[in-house]
Amino acid sequence: MKSFVTGANGFTGSHLVKALEKRGDSVMGLVRKSSDLSRLADTNVELIYGDITDRSTLQKAIQKVDTIFHTAAYVELGLVDAARMEQVNVEGTRSLLEVAQSANVSKMVYCSTIGIFGDTQGKVIDETFQRVQKNFSSAYDRTKYEAQQLVDRAAAQGFPVVSVMPSGIFGLDDPHFMPVLNSFLKGRLKVWAGGDRMTGVVHVDDLAELMMLAAQKGKTGQYYIASAGDLSTREMFQIFSQETGISPPYEVPELIVRVAGTVLDVIGRSLSWQPPIDRERVHYVYDRCVRVTSDKARRELGWNPRSVEATLKELVANRASQTTQ
């Protein structure tokens, strides 16, 4: 089996590359010339250098490819380059779909996000949920939604593509949450915001497994949510505290966080600086709640992810073992 992975050097993409190679696949990975390739150091992936919007590069890369896994994305909240995000997330997906359709690729798996469903206001939803939020919470939310529309349109035209919607993706090399956990484990994380905020959790290796299952068994046009479950930020830090004996961080009052987010947002925009908190992040912490169930993936694809608690405990244990070596 020959597989092609976009965003191969990224967090999700690199774990998928390793899982595919472990299965015995021959893997090609799309990366940029400027990409950090450290996550691929122990792999045999054939690197294809180019941009996700470069159709000529894509056309050459997918010749004789059996399956495409599209994980490349610009993932960020706050003060982002919205034009670049649209170029990567929307136009990149458009380019890949057009090239793949022309080449009659046998299967494509698109790594989407539960964010395409919009704010569910705390209601637990499945793949049948119809988005009711009229606006978008962020440029990321908007661009991934628009990319999903392109994927759905291609599927409606008969192209064999399925979509996997991960919740929060966790793993030891996670670029988003692990810096927070590392700070906590060193006793430096003294304050936090939004203890009631619900976060869906899926281990990155379980996500990779689901993407491979979706390629094998998923039906054209279908959605498959990837989440082991969710918990509040307060519950998350309680687990970390129980495992380490380190006290949970102090929860800053909501009003202070909202004021700080507004002030730092203005400063960040004037200085072209990404502050630690801004209006958009405050919105995600207090005003937006997406909750999901992965029953369909478990039932139809036989997916069996590790539990939320097991995922979080594994992060602490693995990080602790690294620091003692």
C-alpha atoms as a PDB file:
ATOM      1  CA  MET A   1       0.000   0.000   0.000  1.00  0.00           C
ATOM      2  CA  LYS A   2       1.327   3.429  -0.948  1.00  0.00           C
ATOM      3  CA  SER A   3       0.120   6.393   1.115  1.00  0.00           C
ATOM      4  CA  PHE A   4       0.595  10.129   0.749  1.00  0.00           C
ATOM      5  CA  VAL A   5       0.420  12.360   3.843  1.00  0.00           C
ATOM      6  CA  THR A   6       0.174  16.140   3.641  1.00  0.00           C
ATOM      7  CA  GLY A   7       1.612  18.005   6.601  1.00  0.00           C
ATOM      8  CA  ALA A   8       3.772  14.948   7.256  1.00  0.00           C
ATOM      9  CA  ASN A   9       6.126  16.744   9.624  1.00  0.00           C
ATOM     10  CA  GLY A  10       3.321  18.102  11.800  1.00  0.00           C
ATOM     11  CA  PHE A  11       2.038  16.740  15.088  1.00  0.00           C
ATOM     12  CA  THR A  12      -0.768  14.603  13.640  1.00  0.00           C
ATOM     13  CA  GLY A  13       0.931  13.945  10.316  1.00  0.00           C
ATOM     14  CA  SER A  14       4.151  12.584  11.810  1.00  0.00           C
ATOM     15  CA  HIS A  15       2.313  10.166  14.092  1.00  0.00           C
ATOM     16  CA  LEU A  16       0.248   9.028  11.117  1.00  0.00           C
ATOM     17  CA  VAL A  17       3.404   8.463   9.050  1.00  0.00           C
ATOM     18  CA  LYS A  18       4.832   6.248  11.787  1.00  0.00           C
ATOM     19  CA  ALA A  19       1.579   4.296  12.134  1.00  0.00           C
ATOM     20  CA  LEU A  20       1.383   3.738   8.378  1.00  0.00           C
ATOM     21  CA  GLU A  21       4.994   2.553   8.223  1.00  0.00           C
ATOM     22  CA  LYS A  22       4.384   0.228  11.152  1.00  0.00           C
ATOM     23  CA  ARG A  23       1.498  -1.247   9.157  1.00  0.00           C
ATOM     24  CA  GLY A  24       3.881  -1.807   6.249  1.00  0.00           C
ATOM     25  CA  ASP A  25       2.891   1.051   3.954  1.00  0.00           C
ATOM     26  CA  SER A  26       5.264   2.892   1.694  1.00  0.00           C
ATOM     27  CA  VAL A  27       4.753   6.527   2.682  1.00  0.00           C
ATOM     28  CA  MET A  28       5.380   9.812   0.920  1.00  0.00           C
ATOM     29  CA  GLY A  29       5.016  13.036   2.869  1.00  0.00           C
ATOM     30  CA  LEU A  30       4.463  16.587   1.710  1.00  0.00           C
ATOM     31  CA  VAL A  31       6.583  19.134   3.614  1.00  0.00           C
ATOM     32  CA  ARG A  32       7.805  22.656   2.975  1.00  0.00           C
ATOM     33  CA  LYS A  33      11.466  23.554   2.462  1.00  0.00           C
ATOM     34  CA  SER A  34      11.363  25.448   5.746  1.00  0.00           C
ATOM     35  CA  SER A  35       9.727  22.620   7.709  1.00  0.00           C
ATOM     36  CA  ASP A  36      11.189  21.253  10.929  1.00  0.00           C
ATOM     37  CA  LEU A  37      11.675  17.561  10.139  1.00  0.00           C
ATOM     38  CA  SER A  38      12.723  16.423  13.617  1.00  0.00           C
ATOM     39  CA  ARG A  39       9.489  14.465  14.153  1.00  0.00           C
ATOM     40  CA  LEU A  40      10.312  12.361  11.070  1.00  0.00           C
ATOM     41  CA  ALA A  41      13.878  11.513  12.105  1.00  0.00           C
ATOM     42  CA  ASP A  42      13.161   7.833  12.750  1.00  0.00           C
ATOM     43  CA  THR A  43      11.026   7.217   9.676  1.00  0.00           C
ATOM     44  CA  ASN A  44      11.643   6.112   6.103  1.00  0.00           C
ATOM     45  CA  VAL A  45       9.132   8.541   4.607  1.00  0.00           C
ATOM     46  CA  GLU A  46       9.906   9.810   1.122  1.00  0.00           C
ATOM     47  CA  LEU A  47       9.799  13.582   1.404  1.00  0.00           C
ATOM     48  CA  ILE A  48       8.096  15.690  -1.242  1.00  0.00           C
ATOM     49  CA  TYR A  49       8.966  19.372  -0.919  1.00  0.00           C
ATOM     50  CA  GLY A  50       6.345  21.890  -1.885  1.00  0.00           C
ATOM     51  CA  ASP A  51       3.357  23.967  -0.866  1.00  0.00           C
ATOM     52  CA  ILE A  52      -0.092  22.446  -0.404  1.00  0.00           C
ATOM     53  CA  THR A  53      -1.423  24.820  -3.091  1.00  0.00           C
ATOM     54  CA  ASP A  54       1.214  23.801  -5.661  1.00  0.00           C
ATOM     55  CA  ARG A  55      -0.787  21.653  -8.060  1.00  0.00           C
ATOM     56  CA  SER A  56       2.204  20.569 -10.161  1.00  0.00           C
ATOM     57  CA  THR A  57       3.991  19.204  -7.095  1.00  0.00           C
ATOM     58  CA  LEU A  58       0.841  17.453  -5.939  1.00  0.00           C
ATOM     59  CA  GLN A  59       0.247  15.919  -9.361  1.00  0.00           C
ATOM     60  CA  LYS A  60       3.727  14.403  -9.427  1.00  0.00           C
ATOM     61  CA  ALA A  61       3.477  13.193  -5.834  1.00  0.00           C
ATOM     62  CA  ILE A  62       0.214  11.283  -6.054  1.00  0.00           C
ATOM     63  CA  GLN A  63       1.016   9.207  -9.119  1.00  0.00           C
ATOM     64  CA  LYS A  64       0.369   5.553  -8.234  1.00  0.00           C
ATOM     65  CA  VAL A  65      -0.722   6.528  -4.698  1.00  0.00           C
ATOM     66  CA  ASP A  66      -3.449   4.366  -3.152  1.00  0.00           C
ATOM     67  CA  THR A  67      -4.565   6.638  -0.319  1.00  0.00           C
ATOM     68  CA  ILE A  68      -4.182  10.330   0.513  1.00  0.00           C
ATOM     69  CA  PHE A  69      -4.295  11.521   4.113  1.00  0.00           C
ATOM     70  CA  HIS A  70      -4.761  15.295   4.262  1.00  0.00           C
ATOM     71  CA  THR A  71      -3.546  16.597   7.633  1.00  0.00           C
ATOM     72  CA  ALA A  72      -1.848  19.821   6.531  1.00  0.00           C
ATOM     73  CA  ALA A  73      -3.401  22.875   8.189  1.00  0.00           C
ATOM     74  CA  TYR A  74      -2.638  26.246   9.697  1.00  0.00           C
ATOM     75  CA  VAL A  75      -3.857  25.741  13.284  1.00  0.00           C
ATOM     76  CA  GLU A  76      -3.850  28.797  15.549  1.00  0.00           C
ATOM     77  CA  LEU A  77      -6.138  31.041  17.553  1.00  0.00           C
ATOM     78  CA  GLY A  78      -5.697  34.678  18.417  1.00  0.00           C
ATOM     79  CA  LEU A  79      -3.920  37.189  16.207  1.00  0.00           C
ATOM     80  CA  VAL A  80      -3.310  35.158  13.062  1.00  0.00           C
ATOM     81  CA  ASP A  81      -2.546  35.796   9.405  1.00  0.00           C
ATOM     82  CA  ALA A  82      -6.093  35.133   8.204  1.00  0.00           C
ATOM     83  CA  ALA A  83      -5.145  35.392   4.527  1.00  0.00           C
ATOM     84  CA  ARG A  84      -2.398  32.796   4.908  1.00  0.00           C
ATOM     85  CA  MET A  85      -4.737  30.591   6.926  1.00  0.00           C
ATOM     86  CA  GLU A  86      -7.301  30.697   4.130  1.00  0.00           C
ATOM     87  CA  GLN A  87      -4.607  29.927   1.575  1.00  0.00           C
ATOM     88  CA  VAL A  88      -3.482  26.816   3.469  1.00  0.00           C
ATOM     89  CA  ASN A  89      -6.741  25.506   4.878  1.00  0.00           C
ATOM     90  CA  VAL A  90      -9.148  26.342   2.061  1.00  0.00           C
ATOM     91  CA  GLU A  91      -7.160  26.757  -1.144  1.00  0.00           C
ATOM     92  CA  GLY A  92      -4.771  23.977  -0.191  1.00  0.00           C
ATOM     93  CA  THR A  93      -7.685  21.596   0.278  1.00  0.00           C
ATOM     94  CA  ARG A  94      -9.202  22.765  -3.004  1.00  0.00           C
ATOM     95  CA  SER A  95      -5.953  22.119  -4.868  1.00  0.00           C
ATOM     96  CA  LEU A  96      -5.487  18.668  -3.382  1.00  0.00           C
ATOM     97  CA  LEU A  97      -9.075  17.637  -4.103  1.00  0.00           C
ATOM     98  CA  GLU A  98      -8.889  18.756  -7.725  1.00  0.00           C
ATOM     99  CA  VAL A  99      -5.605  16.951  -8.324  1.00  0.00           C
ATOM    100  CA  ALA A 100      -6.776  13.805  -6.536  1.00  0.00           C
ATOM    101  CA  GLN A 101     -10.037  13.707  -8.479  1.00  0.00           C
ATOM    102  CA  SER A 102      -8.186  14.065 -11.783  1.00  0.00           C
ATOM    103  CA  ALA A 103      -5.812  11.267 -10.811  1.00  0.00           C
ATOM    104  CA  ASN A 104      -8.660   8.954  -9.755  1.00  0.00           C
ATOM    105  CA  VAL A 105      -7.116   8.310  -6.345  1.00  0.00           C
ATOM    106  CA  SER A 106      -8.873   5.356  -4.700  1.00  0.00           C
ATOM    107  CA  LYS A 107      -9.386   6.960  -1.255  1.00  0.00           C
ATOM    108  CA  MET A 108      -8.771  10.196   0.593  1.00  0.00           C
ATOM    109  CA  VAL A 109      -9.112  10.870   4.312  1.00  0.00           C
ATOM    110  CA  TYR A 110      -9.485  14.484   5.370  1.00  0.00           C
ATOM    111  CA  CYS A 111      -8.477  15.517   8.893  1.00  0.00           C
ATOM    112  CA  SER A 112     -11.163  18.034   9.765  1.00  0.00           C
ATOM    113  CA  THR A 113     -12.197  19.264  13.238  1.00  0.00           C
ATOM    114  CA  ILE A 114     -15.233  19.177  15.515  1.00  0.00           C
ATOM    115  CA  GLY A 115     -15.098  22.958  15.184  1.00  0.00           C
ATOM    116  CA  ILE A 116     -16.962  22.722  11.875  1.00  0.00           C
ATOM    117  CA  PHE A 117     -20.120  22.042  13.893  1.00  0.00           C
ATOM    118  CA  GLY A 118     -19.855  25.442  15.583  1.00  0.00           C
ATOM    119  CA  ASP A 119     -20.921  26.190  19.128  1.00  0.00           C
ATOM    120  CA  THR A 120     -23.217  23.402  20.386  1.00  0.00           C
ATOM    121  CA  GLN A 121     -23.820  25.346  23.630  1.00  0.00           C
ATOM    122  CA  GLY A 122     -22.803  22.349  25.698  1.00  0.00           C
ATOM    123  CA  LYS A 123     -25.078  19.878  23.925  1.00  0.00           C
ATOM    124  CA  VAL A 124     -23.405  16.546  23.138  1.00  0.00           C
ATOM    125  CA  ILE A 125     -23.762  16.005  19.390  1.00  0.00           C
ATOM    126  CA  ASP A 126     -22.863  13.408  16.781  1.00  0.00           C
ATOM    127  CA  GLU A 127     -22.067  13.528  13.064  1.00  0.00           C
ATOM    128  CA  THR A 128     -25.686  14.265  12.096  1.00  0.00           C
ATOM    129  CA  PHE A 129     -25.687  17.646  13.868  1.00  0.00           C
ATOM    130  CA  GLN A 130     -26.493  20.629  11.669  1.00  0.00           C
ATOM    131  CA  ARG A 131     -24.557  23.777  12.506  1.00  0.00           C
ATOM    132  CA  VAL A 132     -26.742  26.500  14.034  1.00  0.00           C
ATOM    133  CA  GLN A 133     -24.057  29.092  14.825  1.00  0.00           C
ATOM    134  CA  LYS A 134     -24.371  31.680  12.053  1.00  0.00           C
ATOM    135  CA  ASN A 135     -21.056  33.452  12.503  1.00  0.00           C
ATOM    136  CA  PHE A 136     -17.583  32.042  13.091  1.00  0.00           C
ATOM    137  CA  SER A 137     -15.595  32.098  16.301  1.00  0.00           C
ATOM    138  CA  SER A 138     -12.223  32.453  14.581  1.00  0.00           C
ATOM    139  CA  ALA A 139     -10.446  32.445  11.249  1.00  0.00           C
ATOM    140  CA  TYR A 140      -9.542  28.830  11.945  1.00  0.00           C
ATOM    141  CA  ASP A 141     -13.199  27.943  12.539  1.00  0.00           C
ATOM    142  CA  ARG A 142     -14.213  29.656   9.291  1.00  0.00           C
ATOM    143  CA  THR A 143     -11.469  28.257   7.072  1.00  0.00           C
ATOM    144  CA  LYS A 144     -11.900  24.680   8.267  1.00  0.00           C
ATOM    145  CA  TYR A 145     -15.660  24.972   7.732  1.00  0.00           C
ATOM    146  CA  GLU A 146     -15.121  26.251   4.178  1.00  0.00           C
ATOM    147  CA  ALA A 147     -12.620  23.466   3.495  1.00  0.00           C
ATOM    148  CA  GLN A 148     -15.153  20.924   4.764  1.00  0.00           C
ATOM    149  CA  GLN A 149     -17.690  22.268   2.273  1.00  0.00           C
ATOM    150  CA  LEU A 150     -15.214  21.567  -0.528  1.00  0.00           C
ATOM    151  CA  VAL A 151     -14.677  18.023   0.752  1.00  0.00           C
ATOM    152  CA  ASP A 152     -18.424  17.420   1.024  1.00  0.00           C
ATOM    153  CA  ARG A 153     -18.973  18.722  -2.511  1.00  0.00           C
ATOM    154  CA  ALA A 154     -16.320  16.375  -3.889  1.00  0.00           C
ATOM    155  CA  ALA A 155     -17.911  13.449  -2.047  1.00  0.00           C
ATOM    156  CA  ALA A 156     -21.329  14.369  -3.467  1.00  0.00           C
ATOM    157  CA  GLN A 157     -19.752  14.163  -6.923  1.00  0.00           C
ATOM    158  CA  GLY A 158     -18.626  10.619  -6.169  1.00  0.00           C
ATOM    159  CA  PHE A 159     -15.033  11.176  -5.086  1.00  0.00           C
ATOM    160  CA  PRO A 160     -14.149   8.603  -2.371  1.00  0.00           C
ATOM    161  CA  VAL A 161     -13.276  10.940   0.496  1.00  0.00           C
ATOM    162  CA  VAL A 162     -14.182  10.584   4.177  1.00  0.00           C
ATOM    163  CA  SER A 163     -13.692  13.079   7.004  1.00  0.00           C
ATOM    164  CA  VAL A 164     -12.339  12.511  10.492  1.00  0.00           C
ATOM    165  CA  MET A 165     -13.236  15.197  13.059  1.00  0.00           C
ATOM    166  CA  PRO A 166     -10.840  15.221  16.022  1.00  0.00           C
ATOM    167  CA  SER A 167     -11.503  17.031  19.267  1.00  0.00           C
ATOM    168  CA  GLY A 168      -8.477  18.225  21.266  1.00  0.00           C
ATOM    169  CA  ILE A 169      -5.455  16.203  20.124  1.00  0.00           C
ATOM    170  CA  PHE A 170      -3.021  15.252  22.895  1.00  0.00           C
ATOM    171  CA  GLY A 171       0.404  13.641  22.810  1.00  0.00           C
ATOM    172  CA  LEU A 172       3.897  14.020  24.209  1.00  0.00           C
ATOM    173  CA  ASP A 173       5.023  16.270  21.330  1.00  0.00           C
ATOM    174  CA  ASP A 174       1.810  18.302  21.219  1.00  0.00           C
ATOM    175  CA  PRO A 175       2.880  21.889  20.400  1.00  0.00           C
ATOM    176  CA  HIS A 176      -0.199  23.450  21.985  1.00  0.00           C
ATOM    177  CA  PHE A 177      -0.881  21.812  25.359  1.00  0.00           C
ATOM    178  CA  MET A 178       2.450  20.209  26.281  1.00  0.00           C
ATOM    179  CA  PRO A 179       4.150  23.558  27.004  1.00  0.00           C
ATOM    180  CA  VAL A 180       1.356  24.160  29.521  1.00  0.00           C
ATOM    181  CA  LEU A 181       1.789  20.723  31.086  1.00  0.00           C
ATOM    182  CA  ASN A 182       5.568  21.122  31.176  1.00  0.00           C
ATOM    183  CA  SER A 183       5.162  24.415  33.018  1.00  0.00           C
ATOM    184  CA  PHE A 184       2.775  22.724  35.470  1.00  0.00           C
ATOM    185  CA  LEU A 185       5.171  19.821  36.100  1.00  0.00           C
ATOM    186  CA  LYS A 186       7.969  22.283  36.852  1.00  0.00           C
ATOM    187  CA  GLY A 187       5.740  24.046  39.373  1.00  0.00           C
ATOM    188  CA  ARG A 188       5.658  27.232  37.323  1.00  0.00           C
ATOM    189  CA  LEU A 189       1.984  27.249  36.317  1.00  0.00           C
ATOM    190  CA  LYS A 190       0.426  29.221  39.131  1.00  0.00           C
ATOM    191  CA  VAL A 191      -2.733  30.565  37.464  1.00  0.00           C
ATOM    192  CA  TRP A 192      -5.215  29.405  34.844  1.00  0.00           C
ATOM    193  CA  ALA A 193      -8.518  30.572  33.379  1.00  0.00           C
ATOM    194  CA  GLY A 194     -11.880  28.938  32.761  1.00  0.00           C
ATOM    195  CA  GLY A 195     -12.006  25.899  35.028  1.00  0.00           C
ATOM    196  CA  ASP A 196     -15.461  25.000  33.683  1.00  0.00           C
ATOM    197  CA  ARG A 197     -14.351  24.941  30.055  1.00  0.00           C
ATOM    198  CA  MET A 198     -14.988  21.522  28.505  1.00  0.00           C
ATOM    199  CA  THR A 199     -12.251  19.990  26.363  1.00  0.00           C
ATOM    200  CA  GLY A 200     -12.600  16.925  24.179  1.00  0.00           C
ATOM    201  CA  VAL A 201      -9.570  14.633  24.283  1.00  0.00           C
ATOM    202  CA  VAL A 202      -8.122  12.165  21.792  1.00  0.00           C
ATOM    203  CA  HIS A 203      -4.612  10.713  21.871  1.00  0.00           C
ATOM    204  CA  VAL A 204      -2.750  11.505  18.651  1.00  0.00           C
ATOM    205  CA  ASP A 205      -1.918   7.821  18.086  1.00  0.00           C
ATOM    206  CA  ASP A 206      -5.591   6.892  18.455  1.00  0.00           C
ATOM    207  CA  LEU A 207      -6.442   9.588  15.922  1.00  0.00           C
ATOM    208  CA  ALA A 208      -3.911   8.089  13.511  1.00  0.00           C
ATOM    209  CA  GLU A 209      -5.512   4.684  13.996  1.00  0.00           C
ATOM    210  CA  LEU A 210      -8.959   6.103  13.269  1.00  0.00           C
ATOM    211  CA  MET A 211      -7.731   7.749  10.085  1.00  0.00           C
ATOM    212  CA  MET A 212      -6.372   4.417   8.870  1.00  0.00           C
ATOM    213  CA  LEU A 213      -9.632   2.683   9.780  1.00  0.00           C
ATOM    214  CA  ALA A 214     -11.548   5.383   7.921  1.00  0.00           C
ATOM    215  CA  ALA A 215      -9.412   4.729   4.843  1.00  0.00           C
ATOM    216  CA  GLN A 216     -10.142   0.998   5.055  1.00  0.00           C
ATOM    217  CA  LYS A 217     -13.802   0.981   6.042  1.00  0.00           C
ATOM    218  CA  GLY A 218     -15.202   4.502   5.817  1.00  0.00           C
ATOM    219  CA  LYS A 219     -17.897   5.188   3.270  1.00  0.00           C
ATOM    220  CA  THR A 220     -17.690   8.070   0.824  1.00  0.00           C
ATOM    221  CA  GLY A 221     -18.860  11.349   2.295  1.00  0.00           C
ATOM    222  CA  GLN A 222     -19.120  10.084   5.862  1.00  0.00           C
ATOM    223  CA  TYR A 223     -17.985  11.962   8.970  1.00  0.00           C
ATOM    224  CA  TYR A 224     -16.265  10.208  11.884  1.00  0.00           C
ATOM    225  CA  ILE A 225     -15.743  12.086  15.150  1.00  0.00           C
ATOM    226  CA  ALA A 226     -12.508  11.313  17.002  1.00  0.00           C
ATOM    227  CA  SER A 227     -12.882  11.867  20.741  1.00  0.00           C
ATOM    228  CA  ALA A 228     -12.372   9.619  23.750  1.00  0.00           C
ATOM    229  CA  GLY A 229     -14.622  11.914  25.802  1.00  0.00           C
ATOM    230  CA  ASP A 230     -14.381  15.306  27.442  1.00  0.00           C
ATOM    231  CA  LEU A 231     -13.745  16.889  30.817  1.00  0.00           C
ATOM    232  CA  SER A 232     -13.433  20.349  32.318  1.00  0.00           C
ATOM    233  CA  THR A 233     -10.128  22.134  32.692  1.00  0.00           C
ATOM    234  CA  ARG A 234     -10.569  21.899  36.457  1.00  0.00           C
ATOM    235  CA  GLU A 235     -10.981  18.117  36.224  1.00  0.00           C
ATOM    236  CA  MET A 236      -7.940  17.890  33.975  1.00  0.00           C
ATOM    237  CA  PHE A 237      -5.685  19.628  36.474  1.00  0.00           C
ATOM    238  CA  GLN A 238      -7.120  17.507  39.282  1.00  0.00           C
ATOM    239  CA  ILE A 239      -5.903  14.411  37.422  1.00  0.00           C
ATOM    240  CA  PHE A 240      -2.476  15.957  36.925  1.00  0.00           C
ATOM    241  CA  SER A 241      -2.380  16.939  40.586  1.00  0.00           C
ATOM    242  CA  GLN A 242      -3.310  13.435  41.748  1.00  0.00           C
ATOM    243  CA  GLU A 243      -0.562  11.937  39.586  1.00  0.00           C
ATOM    244  CA  THR A 244       2.167  14.359  40.639  1.00  0.00           C
ATOM    245  CA  GLY A 245       1.263  15.840  43.998  1.00  0.00           C
ATOM    246  CA  ILE A 246       1.571  19.316  42.491  1.00  0.00           C
ATOM    247  CA  SER A 247      -1.242  21.665  43.463  1.00  0.00           C
ATOM    248  CA  PRO A 248      -3.626  22.756  40.678  1.00  0.00           C
ATOM    249  CA  PRO A 249      -3.151  26.323  39.445  1.00  0.00           C
ATOM    250  CA  TYR A 250      -5.253  29.119  40.924  1.00  0.00           C
ATOM    251  CA  GLU A 251      -8.272  30.013  38.793  1.00  0.00           C
ATOM    252  CA  VAL A 252      -8.289  33.692  37.849  1.00  0.00           C
ATOM    253  CA  PRO A 253     -11.730  35.348  38.113  1.00  0.00           C
ATOM    254  CA  GLU A 254     -13.526  35.595  34.776  1.00  0.00           C
ATOM    255  CA  LEU A 255     -13.855  39.390  34.852  1.00  0.00           C
ATOM    256  CA  ILE A 256     -10.101  39.840  35.218  1.00  0.00           C
ATOM    257  CA  VAL A 257      -9.447  37.450  32.336  1.00  0.00           C
ATOM    258  CA  ARG A 258     -11.917  39.238  30.076  1.00  0.00           C
ATOM    259  CA  VAL A 259     -10.405  42.652  30.824  1.00  0.00           C
ATOM    260  CA  ALA A 260      -6.878  41.323  30.315  1.00  0.00           C
ATOM    261  CA  GLY A 261      -7.899  39.704  27.039  1.00  0.00           C
ATOM    262  CA  THR A 262      -9.327  42.961  25.717  1.00  0.00           C
ATOM    263  CA  VAL A 263      -6.299  45.033  26.735  1.00  0.00           C
ATOM    264  CA  LEU A 264      -3.716  42.541  25.453  1.00  0.00           C
ATOM    265  CA  ASP A 265      -5.652  42.137  22.198  1.00  0.00           C
ATOM    266  CA  VAL A 266      -5.257  45.862  21.483  1.00  0.00           C
ATOM    267  CA  ILE A 267      -1.569  45.807  22.423  1.00  0.00           C
ATOM    268  CA  GLY A 268      -0.924  42.698  20.376  1.00  0.00           C
ATOM    269  CA  ARG A 269      -2.500  44.153  17.263  1.00  0.00           C
ATOM    270  CA  SER A 270      -0.593  47.404  17.564  1.00  0.00           C
ATOM    271  CA  LEU A 271       2.758  45.634  18.063  1.00  0.00           C
ATOM    272  CA  SER A 272       2.128  42.607  15.802  1.00  0.00           C
ATOM    273  CA  TRP A 273       2.639  40.454  18.892  1.00  0.00           C
ATOM    274  CA  GLN A 274       0.792  37.255  19.864  1.00  0.00           C
ATOM    275  CA  PRO A 275      -0.295  37.778  23.499  1.00  0.00           C
ATOM    276  CA  PRO A 276      -0.977  34.828  25.832  1.00  0.00           C
ATOM    277  CA  ILE A 277      -4.649  35.801  26.009  1.00  0.00           C
ATOM    278  CA  ASP A 278      -6.815  37.889  23.673  1.00  0.00           C
ATOM    279  CA  ARG A 279     -10.471  38.391  22.777  1.00  0.00           C
ATOM    280  CA  GLU A 280     -10.624  35.272  20.624  1.00  0.00           C
ATOM    281  CA  ARG A 281      -9.112  32.970  23.239  1.00  0.00           C
ATOM    282  CA  VAL A 282     -11.374  34.466  25.913  1.00  0.00           C
ATOM    283  CA  HIS A 283     -14.338  33.646  23.675  1.00  0.00           C
ATOM    284  CA  TYR A 284     -13.191  30.025  23.370  1.00  0.00           C
ATOM    285  CA  VAL A 285     -12.688  29.747  27.128  1.00  0.00           C
ATOM    286  CA  TYR A 286     -15.989  31.195  28.321  1.00  0.00           C
ATOM    287  CA  ASP A 287     -18.476  31.573  25.476  1.00  0.00           C
ATOM    288  CA  ARG A 288     -18.131  28.534  23.208  1.00  0.00           C
ATOM    289  CA  CYS A 289     -18.685  24.885  24.061  1.00  0.00           C
ATOM    290  CA  VAL A 290     -18.557  22.029  21.537  1.00  0.00           C
ATOM    291  CA  ARG A 291     -19.237  18.571  22.970  1.00  0.00           C
ATOM    292  CA  VAL A 292     -19.295  15.394  20.897  1.00  0.00           C
ATOM    293  CA  THR A 293     -19.644  11.627  20.968  1.00  0.00           C
ATOM    294  CA  SER A 294     -17.577   9.173  18.927  1.00  0.00           C
ATOM    295  CA  ASP A 295     -20.106   6.319  19.050  1.00  0.00           C
ATOM    296  CA  LYS A 296     -20.266   6.131  15.250  1.00  0.00           C
ATOM    297  CA  ALA A 297     -16.516   5.554  14.820  1.00  0.00           C
ATOM    298  CA  ARG A 298     -16.565   2.911  17.519  1.00  0.00           C
ATOM    299  CA  ARG A 299     -19.620   1.191  16.119  1.00  0.00           C
ATOM    300  CA  GLU A 300     -18.945   1.334  12.371  1.00  0.00           C
ATOM    301  CA  LEU A 301     -15.142   1.238  12.232  1.00  0.00           C
ATOM    302  CA  GLY A 302     -14.307  -0.720  15.382  1.00  0.00           C
ATOM    303  CA  TRP A 303     -12.291   2.156  16.820  1.00  0.00           C
ATOM    304  CA  ASN A 304     -11.302   1.649  20.453  1.00  0.00           C
ATOM    305  CA  PRO A 305      -9.330   4.641  21.792  1.00  0.00           C
ATOM    306  CA  ARG A 306      -7.696   4.818  25.208  1.00  0.00           C
ATOM    307  CA  SER A 307      -9.776   6.703  27.785  1.00  0.00           C
ATOM    308  CA  VAL A 308      -9.442  10.400  28.569  1.00  0.00           C
ATOM    309  CA  GLU A 309      -7.964   9.602  31.981  1.00  0.00           C
ATOM    310  CA  ALA A 310      -5.501   7.097  30.516  1.00  0.00           C
ATOM    311  CA  THR A 311      -4.398   9.638  27.897  1.00  0.00           C
ATOM    312  CA  LEU A 312      -3.714  12.349  30.477  1.00  0.00           C
ATOM    313  CA  LYS A 313      -1.974   9.998  32.907  1.00  0.00           C
ATOM    314  CA  GLU A 314       0.214   8.696  30.084  1.00  0.00           C
ATOM    315  CA  LEU A 315       1.333  12.229  29.254  1.00  0.00           C
ATOM    316  CA  VAL A 316       2.387  12.854  32.844  1.00  0.00           C
ATOM    317  CA  ALA A 317       4.148   9.492  33.173  1.00  0.00           C
ATOM    318  CA  ASN A 318       6.019   9.795  29.879  1.00  0.00           C
ATOM    319  CA  ARG A 319       7.056  13.380  30.544  1.00  0.00           C
ATOM    320  CA  ALA A 320       8.260  12.471  34.016  1.00  0.00           C
ATOM    321  CA  SER A 321      10.309   9.556  32.671  1.00  0.00           C
ATOM    322  CA  GLN A 322      11.942  11.831  30.104  1.00  0.00           C
ATOM    323  CA  THR A 323      13.057  14.332  32.744  1.00  0.00           C
ATOM    324  CA  THR A 324      14.650  11.609  34.869  1.00  0.00           C
ATOM    325  CA  GLN A 325      16.672  10.055  32.055  1.00  0.00           C
END
